[in-house]
């Protein structure tokens, strides 16, 4: 294997897929709607609850960090919780009820109608995400799905679906990062402009 050629081709494929993302009017429309929902929720005292598995679990934590801490400028905090981080809770639910319920139980106990649930699953078929989306619907909590391929079973359950382009999981997850960074910037800008969040400098 020619490593230099492999790296060049890999970067080129990633760039090409991100260009597909940039050209997708459907994705842009859904991202705008997702931002509007989240902003409205936060203005009304709600919070953003985020969950995923594997790399998507890391993405959930990344999003929460960007909002609760900061993106680039010091500011007041924005309410977001990654449901992926409490090992005692996750292992207790996994042990007592099964892994499929690790997010369902948290949505059941923590979510309020003014909140937003952001579910991340590349395939759209993660069982624990499906159960959490169903629980969110039961609790009248709006749900946003960040997914890929055709959206899987979750697309029929979520209230709003953002389907990222990509021929394989890595490309879809790279597109997810671009999408949620954009979302976070939009959320911050709107909340600052409306006076709900303040910059320190």
N, C-alpha and C. Protein backbone atom coordinates (compact mmCIF):
# COMPACT_ATOMS: atom_id res chain seq x y z
N UNK A 1 0.85 -1.20 0.00
CA UNK A 1 0.00 0.00 0.00
C UNK A 1 0.89 1.25 0.00
N UNK A 2 0.57 2.16 -0.89
CA UNK A 2 1.24 3.46 -0.92
C UNK A 2 0.52 4.37 0.07
N UNK A 3 1.13 4.61 1.24
CA UNK A 3 0.45 5.34 2.30
C UNK A 3 0.12 6.77 1.91
N UNK A 4 1.02 7.41 1.21
CA UNK A 4 0.77 8.80 0.80
C UNK A 4 -0.43 8.87 -0.12
N UNK A 5 -0.52 7.96 -1.05
CA UNK A 5 -1.65 7.93 -1.99
C UNK A 5 -2.95 7.61 -1.24
N UNK A 6 -2.86 6.67 -0.29
CA UNK A 6 -4.04 6.30 0.50
C UNK A 6 -4.57 7.50 1.28
N UNK A 7 -3.66 8.22 1.94
CA UNK A 7 -4.06 9.40 2.72
C UNK A 7 -4.67 10.46 1.82
N UNK A 8 -4.05 10.71 0.69
CA UNK A 8 -4.57 11.70 -0.26
C UNK A 8 -5.99 11.33 -0.71
N UNK A 9 -6.19 10.08 -1.07
CA UNK A 9 -7.50 9.63 -1.54
C UNK A 9 -8.55 9.69 -0.42
N UNK A 10 -8.12 9.33 0.78
CA UNK A 10 -9.05 9.37 1.91
C UNK A 10 -9.52 10.79 2.19
N UNK A 11 -8.58 11.73 2.22
CA UNK A 11 -8.94 13.13 2.45
C UNK A 11 -9.81 13.66 1.31
N UNK A 12 -9.50 13.25 0.10
CA UNK A 12 -10.26 13.71 -1.06
C UNK A 12 -11.70 13.21 -1.00
N UNK A 13 -11.88 11.94 -0.59
CA UNK A 13 -13.24 11.38 -0.47
C UNK A 13 -14.02 12.08 0.63
N UNK A 14 -13.34 12.40 1.74
CA UNK A 14 -14.01 13.12 2.83
C UNK A 14 -14.45 14.50 2.37
N UNK A 15 -13.56 15.19 1.66
CA UNK A 15 -13.88 16.53 1.16
C UNK A 15 -15.05 16.49 0.18
N UNK A 16 -15.06 15.46 -0.66
CA UNK A 16 -16.14 15.31 -1.64
C UNK A 16 -17.47 15.08 -0.94
N UNK A 17 -17.45 14.29 0.13
CA UNK A 17 -18.69 14.03 0.86
C UNK A 17 -19.18 15.28 1.59
N UNK A 18 -18.26 16.05 2.14
CA UNK A 18 -18.66 17.30 2.79
C UNK A 18 -19.20 18.31 1.78
N UNK A 19 -18.72 18.24 0.55
CA UNK A 19 -19.27 19.09 -0.51
C UNK A 19 -20.71 18.67 -0.81
N UNK A 20 -20.97 17.36 -0.80
CA UNK A 20 -22.35 16.87 -0.96
C UNK A 20 -23.23 17.43 0.14
N UNK A 21 -22.71 17.46 1.35
CA UNK A 21 -23.45 18.02 2.48
C UNK A 21 -23.75 19.49 2.24
N UNK A 22 -22.75 20.23 1.79
CA UNK A 22 -22.91 21.66 1.56
C UNK A 22 -23.94 21.96 0.47
N UNK A 23 -24.12 21.03 -0.48
CA UNK A 23 -25.04 21.24 -1.59
C UNK A 23 -26.45 20.74 -1.30
N UNK A 24 -26.65 20.05 -0.17
CA UNK A 24 -27.94 19.44 0.12
C UNK A 24 -28.92 20.45 0.71
N UNK A 25 -29.88 20.87 -0.08
CA UNK A 25 -30.90 21.79 0.40
C UNK A 25 -31.78 21.14 1.46
N UNK A 26 -32.03 19.85 1.32
CA UNK A 26 -32.86 19.13 2.29
C UNK A 26 -32.21 19.14 3.67
N UNK A 27 -30.91 18.83 3.73
CA UNK A 27 -30.22 18.84 5.02
C UNK A 27 -30.22 20.24 5.61
N UNK A 28 -29.94 21.24 4.80
CA UNK A 28 -29.90 22.61 5.31
C UNK A 28 -31.25 23.03 5.88
N UNK A 29 -32.33 22.66 5.20
CA UNK A 29 -33.67 22.98 5.71
C UNK A 29 -33.92 22.31 7.05
N UNK A 30 -33.51 21.05 7.18
CA UNK A 30 -33.72 20.32 8.43
C UNK A 30 -32.86 20.86 9.56
N UNK A 31 -31.65 21.28 9.24
CA UNK A 31 -30.76 21.86 10.26
C UNK A 31 -31.34 23.18 10.77
N UNK A 32 -31.88 23.99 9.88
CA UNK A 32 -32.52 25.24 10.31
C UNK A 32 -33.68 24.95 11.25
N UNK A 33 -34.51 23.98 10.88
CA UNK A 33 -35.66 23.63 11.72
C UNK A 33 -35.21 23.09 13.07
N UNK A 34 -34.16 22.25 13.07
CA UNK A 34 -33.63 21.71 14.32
C UNK A 34 -33.13 22.84 15.21
N UNK A 35 -32.41 23.79 14.63
CA UNK A 35 -31.90 24.92 15.40
C UNK A 35 -33.05 25.72 15.99
N UNK A 36 -34.08 25.95 15.21
CA UNK A 36 -35.24 26.72 15.70
C UNK A 36 -35.90 26.02 16.88
N UNK A 37 -36.06 24.70 16.78
CA UNK A 37 -36.67 23.94 17.87
C UNK A 37 -35.83 24.03 19.14
N UNK A 38 -34.53 23.82 19.01
CA UNK A 38 -33.64 23.83 20.17
C UNK A 38 -33.59 25.21 20.80
N UNK A 39 -33.49 26.24 19.97
CA UNK A 39 -33.44 27.61 20.48
C UNK A 39 -34.72 27.95 21.24
N UNK A 40 -35.86 27.59 20.67
CA UNK A 40 -37.14 27.85 21.34
C UNK A 40 -37.22 27.13 22.67
N UNK A 41 -36.77 25.88 22.69
CA UNK A 41 -36.75 25.10 23.93
C UNK A 41 -35.90 25.77 24.99
N UNK A 42 -34.70 26.17 24.62
CA UNK A 42 -33.78 26.78 25.59
C UNK A 42 -34.30 28.12 26.09
N UNK A 43 -34.93 28.88 25.22
CA UNK A 43 -35.50 30.16 25.64
C UNK A 43 -36.62 29.96 26.66
N UNK A 44 -37.30 28.82 26.57
CA UNK A 44 -38.42 28.53 27.47
C UNK A 44 -38.02 27.71 28.68
N UNK A 45 -36.70 27.67 28.96
CA UNK A 45 -36.23 26.96 30.15
C UNK A 45 -36.02 25.48 29.96
N UNK A 46 -36.07 25.01 28.71
CA UNK A 46 -35.82 23.60 28.44
C UNK A 46 -34.33 23.31 28.35
N UNK A 47 -34.03 22.05 28.07
CA UNK A 47 -32.65 21.62 27.92
C UNK A 47 -32.55 20.65 26.76
N UNK A 48 -31.33 20.49 26.26
CA UNK A 48 -31.08 19.56 25.18
C UNK A 48 -30.50 18.28 25.76
N UNK A 49 -31.18 17.16 25.52
CA UNK A 49 -30.73 15.84 25.95
C UNK A 49 -30.22 15.10 24.72
N UNK A 50 -29.02 14.50 24.84
CA UNK A 50 -28.36 13.94 23.66
C UNK A 50 -27.88 12.53 23.96
N UNK A 51 -28.06 11.62 23.00
CA UNK A 51 -27.61 10.24 23.19
C UNK A 51 -27.17 9.61 21.89
N UNK A 52 -26.27 8.64 22.01
CA UNK A 52 -25.79 7.87 20.87
C UNK A 52 -24.94 6.72 21.38
N UNK A 53 -24.45 5.90 20.47
CA UNK A 53 -23.61 4.75 20.83
C UNK A 53 -22.26 4.84 20.14
N UNK A 54 -21.22 4.37 20.81
CA UNK A 54 -19.90 4.35 20.19
C UNK A 54 -19.42 5.75 19.84
N UNK A 55 -19.06 5.95 18.57
CA UNK A 55 -18.63 7.27 18.12
C UNK A 55 -19.72 8.30 18.31
N UNK A 56 -20.96 7.88 18.19
CA UNK A 56 -22.08 8.81 18.37
C UNK A 56 -22.26 9.18 19.84
N UNK A 57 -21.83 8.30 20.76
CA UNK A 57 -21.82 8.65 22.18
C UNK A 57 -20.80 9.76 22.42
N UNK A 58 -19.66 9.63 21.76
CA UNK A 58 -18.64 10.68 21.85
C UNK A 58 -19.17 11.99 21.27
N UNK A 59 -19.92 11.90 20.18
CA UNK A 59 -20.53 13.10 19.59
C UNK A 59 -21.52 13.75 20.55
N UNK A 60 -22.31 12.93 21.26
CA UNK A 60 -23.26 13.46 22.24
C UNK A 60 -22.53 14.26 23.30
N UNK A 61 -21.41 13.72 23.79
CA UNK A 61 -20.61 14.42 24.79
C UNK A 61 -19.97 15.68 24.21
N UNK A 62 -19.54 15.60 22.97
CA UNK A 62 -18.93 16.74 22.29
C UNK A 62 -19.92 17.90 22.20
N UNK A 63 -21.14 17.60 21.79
CA UNK A 63 -22.17 18.64 21.66
C UNK A 63 -22.45 19.28 23.02
N UNK A 64 -22.64 18.45 24.05
CA UNK A 64 -22.91 18.98 25.39
C UNK A 64 -21.77 19.87 25.86
N UNK A 65 -20.54 19.46 25.58
CA UNK A 65 -19.38 20.27 25.99
C UNK A 65 -19.35 21.61 25.27
N UNK A 66 -19.68 21.60 23.98
CA UNK A 66 -19.68 22.85 23.21
C UNK A 66 -20.70 23.83 23.77
N UNK A 67 -21.83 23.33 24.25
CA UNK A 67 -22.89 24.20 24.73
C UNK A 67 -22.71 24.59 26.20
N UNK A 68 -22.41 23.63 27.04
CA UNK A 68 -22.27 23.92 28.47
C UNK A 68 -20.99 24.71 28.75
N UNK A 69 -19.90 24.34 28.08
CA UNK A 69 -18.63 25.07 28.23
C UNK A 69 -18.62 26.23 27.26
N UNK A 70 -18.04 26.03 26.07
CA UNK A 70 -18.06 27.09 25.06
C UNK A 70 -17.60 26.52 23.73
N UNK A 71 -17.88 27.27 22.66
CA UNK A 71 -17.34 26.94 21.35
C UNK A 71 -16.01 27.66 21.15
N UNK A 72 -16.06 28.99 21.17
CA UNK A 72 -14.84 29.77 20.95
C UNK A 72 -14.71 30.96 21.89
N UNK A 73 -15.83 31.53 22.31
CA UNK A 73 -15.80 32.72 23.17
C UNK A 73 -16.38 32.39 24.54
N UNK A 74 -15.83 33.03 25.57
CA UNK A 74 -16.37 32.85 26.92
C UNK A 74 -17.78 33.43 26.98
N UNK A 75 -18.68 32.67 27.56
CA UNK A 75 -20.07 33.11 27.67
C UNK A 75 -20.75 32.36 28.78
N UNK A 76 -21.99 32.76 29.07
CA UNK A 76 -22.79 32.01 30.04
C UNK A 76 -23.15 30.65 29.43
N UNK A 77 -23.45 29.71 30.29
CA UNK A 77 -23.63 28.33 29.88
C UNK A 77 -25.00 28.09 29.23
N UNK A 78 -25.06 27.07 28.38
CA UNK A 78 -26.29 26.66 27.70
C UNK A 78 -26.63 25.24 28.16
N UNK A 79 -27.90 25.00 28.46
CA UNK A 79 -28.31 23.74 29.09
C UNK A 79 -28.33 22.56 28.12
N UNK A 80 -27.39 21.65 28.31
CA UNK A 80 -27.32 20.43 27.49
C UNK A 80 -26.75 19.30 28.34
N UNK A 81 -27.29 18.09 28.16
CA UNK A 81 -26.85 16.92 28.92
C UNK A 81 -26.63 15.75 27.98
N UNK A 82 -25.44 15.17 28.01
CA UNK A 82 -25.18 13.92 27.29
C UNK A 82 -25.62 12.77 28.18
N UNK A 83 -26.49 11.92 27.67
CA UNK A 83 -27.01 10.79 28.45
C UNK A 83 -26.08 9.58 28.40
N UNK A 84 -24.84 9.81 28.01
CA UNK A 84 -23.90 8.72 27.72
C UNK A 84 -22.80 8.58 28.77
N UNK A 85 -22.82 9.41 29.83
CA UNK A 85 -21.62 9.57 30.65
C UNK A 85 -21.67 8.98 32.06
N UNK A 86 -22.85 8.70 32.56
CA UNK A 86 -22.96 8.23 33.95
C UNK A 86 -22.81 6.71 33.99
N UNK A 87 -21.62 6.23 34.29
CA UNK A 87 -21.35 4.78 34.22
C UNK A 87 -22.16 3.99 35.23
N UNK A 88 -22.39 4.56 36.40
CA UNK A 88 -23.20 3.84 37.40
C UNK A 88 -24.63 3.66 36.92
N UNK A 89 -25.18 4.73 36.37
CA UNK A 89 -26.56 4.66 35.86
C UNK A 89 -26.65 3.71 34.66
N UNK A 90 -25.72 3.86 33.72
CA UNK A 90 -25.75 3.04 32.51
C UNK A 90 -25.61 1.56 32.83
N UNK A 91 -24.70 1.23 33.75
CA UNK A 91 -24.50 -0.18 34.09
C UNK A 91 -25.64 -0.72 34.95
N UNK A 92 -26.23 0.14 35.78
CA UNK A 92 -27.38 -0.31 36.58
C UNK A 92 -28.56 -0.64 35.69
N UNK A 93 -28.87 0.27 34.77
CA UNK A 93 -29.98 0.01 33.84
C UNK A 93 -29.67 -1.18 32.94
N UNK A 94 -28.44 -1.22 32.43
CA UNK A 94 -28.06 -2.34 31.58
C UNK A 94 -28.16 -3.66 32.29
N UNK A 95 -27.78 -3.69 33.55
CA UNK A 95 -27.81 -4.92 34.33
C UNK A 95 -29.23 -5.31 34.72
N UNK A 96 -30.03 -4.33 35.15
CA UNK A 96 -31.36 -4.61 35.69
C UNK A 96 -32.45 -4.72 34.62
N UNK A 97 -32.31 -3.95 33.55
CA UNK A 97 -33.37 -3.91 32.54
C UNK A 97 -32.90 -4.34 31.15
N UNK A 98 -31.61 -4.18 30.88
CA UNK A 98 -31.08 -4.50 29.56
C UNK A 98 -30.53 -3.25 28.89
N UNK A 99 -29.54 -3.46 28.03
CA UNK A 99 -28.86 -2.35 27.37
C UNK A 99 -29.80 -1.52 26.51
N UNK A 100 -30.85 -2.13 26.00
CA UNK A 100 -31.80 -1.39 25.15
C UNK A 100 -32.49 -0.25 25.90
N UNK A 101 -32.43 -0.26 27.22
CA UNK A 101 -33.19 0.70 28.02
C UNK A 101 -32.33 1.80 28.66
N UNK A 102 -31.03 1.86 28.32
CA UNK A 102 -30.15 2.81 29.02
C UNK A 102 -30.52 4.27 28.78
N UNK A 103 -31.11 4.58 27.64
CA UNK A 103 -31.55 5.95 27.36
C UNK A 103 -33.03 6.13 27.63
N UNK A 104 -33.80 5.09 27.43
CA UNK A 104 -35.23 5.12 27.72
C UNK A 104 -35.48 5.54 29.16
N UNK A 105 -34.74 4.92 30.10
CA UNK A 105 -34.94 5.23 31.51
C UNK A 105 -34.58 6.68 31.84
N UNK A 106 -33.57 7.20 31.18
CA UNK A 106 -33.16 8.58 31.43
C UNK A 106 -34.17 9.57 30.86
N UNK A 107 -34.68 9.28 29.67
CA UNK A 107 -35.73 10.13 29.10
C UNK A 107 -36.96 10.09 30.00
N UNK A 108 -37.30 8.90 30.49
CA UNK A 108 -38.45 8.74 31.37
C UNK A 108 -38.30 9.58 32.64
N UNK A 109 -37.10 9.59 33.22
CA UNK A 109 -36.91 10.26 34.49
C UNK A 109 -36.52 11.73 34.40
N UNK A 110 -35.85 12.13 33.32
CA UNK A 110 -35.29 13.47 33.24
C UNK A 110 -36.01 14.43 32.30
N UNK A 111 -36.60 13.90 31.23
CA UNK A 111 -37.14 14.76 30.19
C UNK A 111 -38.46 15.41 30.59
N UNK A 112 -38.58 16.68 30.21
CA UNK A 112 -39.81 17.44 30.40
C UNK A 112 -40.31 17.90 29.03
N UNK A 113 -41.62 18.20 28.90
CA UNK A 113 -42.17 18.55 27.60
C UNK A 113 -41.47 19.70 26.88
N UNK A 114 -40.85 20.62 27.63
CA UNK A 114 -40.18 21.76 26.99
C UNK A 114 -38.78 21.40 26.50
N UNK A 115 -38.30 20.18 26.79
CA UNK A 115 -36.97 19.75 26.38
C UNK A 115 -36.95 19.28 24.93
N UNK A 116 -35.73 19.06 24.42
CA UNK A 116 -35.53 18.46 23.10
C UNK A 116 -34.60 17.25 23.27
N UNK A 117 -34.94 16.16 22.62
CA UNK A 117 -34.08 14.98 22.62
C UNK A 117 -33.41 14.87 21.26
N UNK A 118 -32.08 14.92 21.25
CA UNK A 118 -31.29 14.75 20.04
C UNK A 118 -30.69 13.35 20.04
N UNK A 119 -31.17 12.51 19.14
CA UNK A 119 -30.72 11.12 19.04
C UNK A 119 -29.76 10.97 17.87
N UNK A 120 -28.62 10.34 18.12
CA UNK A 120 -27.62 10.17 17.07
C UNK A 120 -27.40 8.69 16.83
N UNK A 121 -27.69 8.24 15.62
CA UNK A 121 -27.45 6.86 15.23
C UNK A 121 -27.19 6.81 13.73
N UNK A 122 -26.00 6.37 13.37
CA UNK A 122 -25.61 6.36 11.95
C UNK A 122 -26.54 5.49 11.12
N UNK A 123 -26.87 4.32 11.67
CA UNK A 123 -27.73 3.38 10.93
C UNK A 123 -29.20 3.72 11.05
N UNK A 124 -29.58 4.36 12.15
CA UNK A 124 -30.99 4.61 12.42
C UNK A 124 -31.69 3.42 13.02
N UNK A 125 -30.94 2.39 13.39
CA UNK A 125 -31.55 1.15 13.89
C UNK A 125 -31.09 0.75 15.29
N UNK A 126 -30.39 1.62 15.99
CA UNK A 126 -29.93 1.29 17.35
C UNK A 126 -31.14 1.11 18.26
N UNK A 127 -31.25 -0.07 18.88
CA UNK A 127 -32.44 -0.39 19.67
C UNK A 127 -32.63 0.56 20.85
N UNK A 128 -31.54 0.92 21.51
CA UNK A 128 -31.71 1.81 22.68
C UNK A 128 -32.13 3.22 22.25
N UNK A 129 -31.72 3.63 21.07
CA UNK A 129 -32.16 4.93 20.55
C UNK A 129 -33.63 4.87 20.15
N UNK A 130 -34.03 3.78 19.53
CA UNK A 130 -35.43 3.62 19.15
C UNK A 130 -36.35 3.68 20.37
N UNK A 131 -35.95 2.99 21.44
CA UNK A 131 -36.78 2.98 22.65
C UNK A 131 -36.81 4.37 23.28
N UNK A 132 -35.69 5.08 23.24
CA UNK A 132 -35.66 6.44 23.79
C UNK A 132 -36.53 7.39 22.98
N UNK A 133 -36.52 7.23 21.65
CA UNK A 133 -37.38 8.06 20.80
C UNK A 133 -38.85 7.78 21.08
N UNK A 134 -39.19 6.53 21.28
CA UNK A 134 -40.57 6.17 21.59
C UNK A 134 -40.99 6.76 22.93
N UNK A 135 -40.06 6.73 23.90
CA UNK A 135 -40.36 7.30 25.22
C UNK A 135 -40.53 8.82 25.12
N UNK A 136 -39.70 9.45 24.32
CA UNK A 136 -39.82 10.90 24.13
C UNK A 136 -41.18 11.25 23.56
N UNK A 137 -41.63 10.48 22.59
CA UNK A 137 -42.94 10.72 21.99
C UNK A 137 -44.04 10.56 23.04
N UNK A 138 -43.90 9.54 23.87
CA UNK A 138 -44.88 9.30 24.94
C UNK A 138 -44.93 10.47 25.91
N UNK A 139 -43.77 11.08 26.17
CA UNK A 139 -43.70 12.19 27.12
C UNK A 139 -43.91 13.55 26.46
N UNK A 140 -44.26 13.53 25.17
CA UNK A 140 -44.50 14.76 24.40
C UNK A 140 -43.25 15.66 24.36
N UNK A 141 -42.10 15.02 24.25
CA UNK A 141 -40.82 15.71 24.09
C UNK A 141 -40.44 15.65 22.62
N UNK A 142 -40.19 16.78 22.00
CA UNK A 142 -39.79 16.79 20.59
C UNK A 142 -38.45 16.09 20.42
N UNK A 143 -38.33 15.32 19.32
CA UNK A 143 -37.10 14.58 19.08
C UNK A 143 -36.53 14.93 17.70
N UNK A 144 -35.20 15.02 17.68
CA UNK A 144 -34.45 15.26 16.45
C UNK A 144 -33.50 14.08 16.25
N UNK A 145 -33.49 13.54 15.06
CA UNK A 145 -32.63 12.41 14.73
C UNK A 145 -31.52 12.86 13.81
N UNK A 146 -30.28 12.55 14.19
CA UNK A 146 -29.12 12.78 13.34
C UNK A 146 -28.63 11.41 12.90
N UNK A 147 -28.74 11.12 11.60
CA UNK A 147 -28.52 9.76 11.12
C UNK A 147 -27.85 9.77 9.74
N UNK A 148 -27.82 8.59 9.12
CA UNK A 148 -27.22 8.46 7.80
C UNK A 148 -27.95 7.40 7.00
N UNK A 149 -27.37 7.05 5.83
CA UNK A 149 -27.98 6.07 4.92
C UNK A 149 -29.44 6.47 4.66
N UNK A 150 -30.40 5.61 4.96
CA UNK A 150 -31.82 5.95 4.73
C UNK A 150 -32.53 6.35 6.02
N UNK A 151 -31.80 6.37 7.12
CA UNK A 151 -32.41 6.78 8.39
C UNK A 151 -32.93 5.65 9.24
N UNK A 152 -33.00 4.44 8.67
CA UNK A 152 -33.43 3.27 9.42
C UNK A 152 -34.81 3.40 10.03
N UNK A 153 -35.08 2.57 11.04
CA UNK A 153 -36.38 2.57 11.70
C UNK A 153 -36.63 3.85 12.49
N UNK A 154 -35.55 4.47 12.95
CA UNK A 154 -35.70 5.66 13.79
C UNK A 154 -36.33 6.82 13.04
N UNK A 155 -36.16 6.84 11.73
CA UNK A 155 -36.68 7.97 10.95
C UNK A 155 -38.19 8.06 11.04
N UNK A 156 -38.85 6.93 11.22
CA UNK A 156 -40.32 6.93 11.30
C UNK A 156 -40.81 7.33 12.69
N UNK A 157 -39.91 7.31 13.67
CA UNK A 157 -40.30 7.62 15.05
C UNK A 157 -39.96 9.07 15.43
N UNK A 158 -38.82 9.55 14.97
CA UNK A 158 -38.38 10.90 15.32
C UNK A 158 -39.29 11.96 14.72
N UNK A 159 -39.40 13.09 15.38
CA UNK A 159 -40.22 14.19 14.86
C UNK A 159 -39.54 14.92 13.71
N UNK A 160 -38.20 14.93 13.72
CA UNK A 160 -37.43 15.60 12.68
C UNK A 160 -36.16 14.79 12.43
N UNK A 161 -35.85 14.52 11.17
CA UNK A 161 -34.68 13.71 10.83
C UNK A 161 -33.71 14.49 9.95
N UNK A 162 -32.44 14.46 10.33
CA UNK A 162 -31.36 15.03 9.52
C UNK A 162 -30.52 13.86 9.04
N UNK A 163 -30.58 13.59 7.75
CA UNK A 163 -29.88 12.43 7.17
C UNK A 163 -28.62 12.92 6.47
N UNK A 164 -27.47 12.61 7.05
CA UNK A 164 -26.19 13.06 6.49
C UNK A 164 -25.79 12.17 5.32
N UNK A 165 -25.13 12.73 4.31
CA UNK A 165 -24.64 11.92 3.20
C UNK A 165 -23.42 11.11 3.63
N UNK A 166 -23.12 10.08 2.85
CA UNK A 166 -21.93 9.28 3.11
C UNK A 166 -22.12 7.85 2.64
N UNK A 167 -21.06 7.30 2.06
CA UNK A 167 -21.10 5.93 1.55
C UNK A 167 -20.82 4.91 2.65
N UNK A 168 -20.16 5.37 3.73
CA UNK A 168 -19.89 4.46 4.84
C UNK A 168 -19.92 5.25 6.15
N UNK A 169 -19.86 4.53 7.26
CA UNK A 169 -20.06 5.12 8.59
C UNK A 169 -19.13 6.29 8.86
N UNK A 170 -17.85 6.16 8.53
CA UNK A 170 -16.90 7.22 8.84
C UNK A 170 -17.27 8.53 8.15
N UNK A 171 -17.67 8.45 6.88
CA UNK A 171 -18.06 9.67 6.16
C UNK A 171 -19.30 10.30 6.78
N UNK A 172 -20.26 9.48 7.17
CA UNK A 172 -21.48 10.00 7.78
C UNK A 172 -21.16 10.69 9.10
N UNK A 173 -20.30 10.08 9.89
CA UNK A 173 -19.93 10.68 11.17
C UNK A 173 -19.14 11.97 11.00
N UNK A 174 -18.32 12.05 9.96
CA UNK A 174 -17.62 13.30 9.66
C UNK A 174 -18.63 14.40 9.31
N UNK A 175 -19.64 14.02 8.55
CA UNK A 175 -20.70 14.99 8.20
C UNK A 175 -21.48 15.40 9.44
N UNK A 176 -21.70 14.44 10.36
CA UNK A 176 -22.40 14.76 11.61
C UNK A 176 -21.67 15.86 12.38
N UNK A 177 -20.33 15.77 12.43
CA UNK A 177 -19.56 16.77 13.15
C UNK A 177 -19.78 18.16 12.54
N UNK A 178 -19.73 18.23 11.23
CA UNK A 178 -19.97 19.52 10.56
C UNK A 178 -21.37 20.04 10.86
N UNK A 179 -22.35 19.14 10.87
CA UNK A 179 -23.73 19.54 11.13
C UNK A 179 -23.90 20.05 12.56
N UNK A 180 -23.39 19.29 13.54
CA UNK A 180 -23.67 19.73 14.90
C UNK A 180 -22.81 20.91 15.34
N UNK A 181 -21.63 21.09 14.75
CA UNK A 181 -20.89 22.33 15.04
C UNK A 181 -21.66 23.53 14.51
N UNK A 182 -22.22 23.39 13.32
CA UNK A 182 -23.04 24.47 12.76
C UNK A 182 -24.25 24.75 13.63
N UNK A 183 -24.91 23.68 14.08
CA UNK A 183 -26.06 23.82 14.98
C UNK A 183 -25.67 24.58 16.24
N UNK A 184 -24.56 24.20 16.85
CA UNK A 184 -24.12 24.83 18.09
C UNK A 184 -23.85 26.32 17.90
N UNK A 185 -23.20 26.67 16.79
CA UNK A 185 -22.95 28.08 16.51
C UNK A 185 -24.25 28.85 16.31
N UNK A 186 -25.21 28.25 15.61
CA UNK A 186 -26.49 28.90 15.39
C UNK A 186 -27.24 29.11 16.70
N UNK A 187 -27.20 28.10 17.56
CA UNK A 187 -27.87 28.18 18.85
C UNK A 187 -27.26 29.29 19.69
N UNK A 188 -25.92 29.30 19.78
CA UNK A 188 -25.24 30.32 20.58
C UNK A 188 -25.55 31.72 20.05
N UNK A 189 -25.43 31.92 18.75
CA UNK A 189 -25.64 33.25 18.16
C UNK A 189 -27.04 33.75 18.45
N UNK A 190 -28.03 32.89 18.28
CA UNK A 190 -29.41 33.31 18.49
C UNK A 190 -29.67 33.64 19.96
N UNK A 191 -29.14 32.82 20.86
CA UNK A 191 -29.38 33.06 22.29
C UNK A 191 -28.65 34.32 22.77
N UNK A 192 -27.50 34.61 22.20
CA UNK A 192 -26.80 35.85 22.54
C UNK A 192 -27.60 37.05 22.03
N UNK A 193 -28.06 36.97 20.79
CA UNK A 193 -28.81 38.08 20.20
C UNK A 193 -30.12 38.36 20.94
N UNK A 194 -30.72 37.31 21.50
CA UNK A 194 -32.00 37.48 22.21
C UNK A 194 -31.78 37.82 23.68
N UNK A 195 -30.53 37.85 24.13
CA UNK A 195 -30.25 38.21 25.51
C UNK A 195 -30.33 37.08 26.51
N UNK A 196 -30.54 35.85 26.02
CA UNK A 196 -30.61 34.70 26.93
C UNK A 196 -29.23 34.18 27.33
N UNK A 197 -28.22 34.51 26.54
CA UNK A 197 -26.84 34.14 26.83
C UNK A 197 -25.98 35.39 26.63
N UNK A 198 -24.97 35.55 27.46
CA UNK A 198 -24.11 36.73 27.39
C UNK A 198 -22.65 36.33 27.18
N UNK A 199 -21.96 37.02 26.30
CA UNK A 199 -20.52 36.87 26.17
C UNK A 199 -19.83 37.60 27.32
N UNK A 200 -18.70 37.07 27.77
CA UNK A 200 -17.97 37.70 28.86
C UNK A 200 -17.00 38.77 28.36
N UNK A 201 -16.64 38.74 27.08
CA UNK A 201 -15.68 39.71 26.56
C UNK A 201 -16.30 40.58 25.48
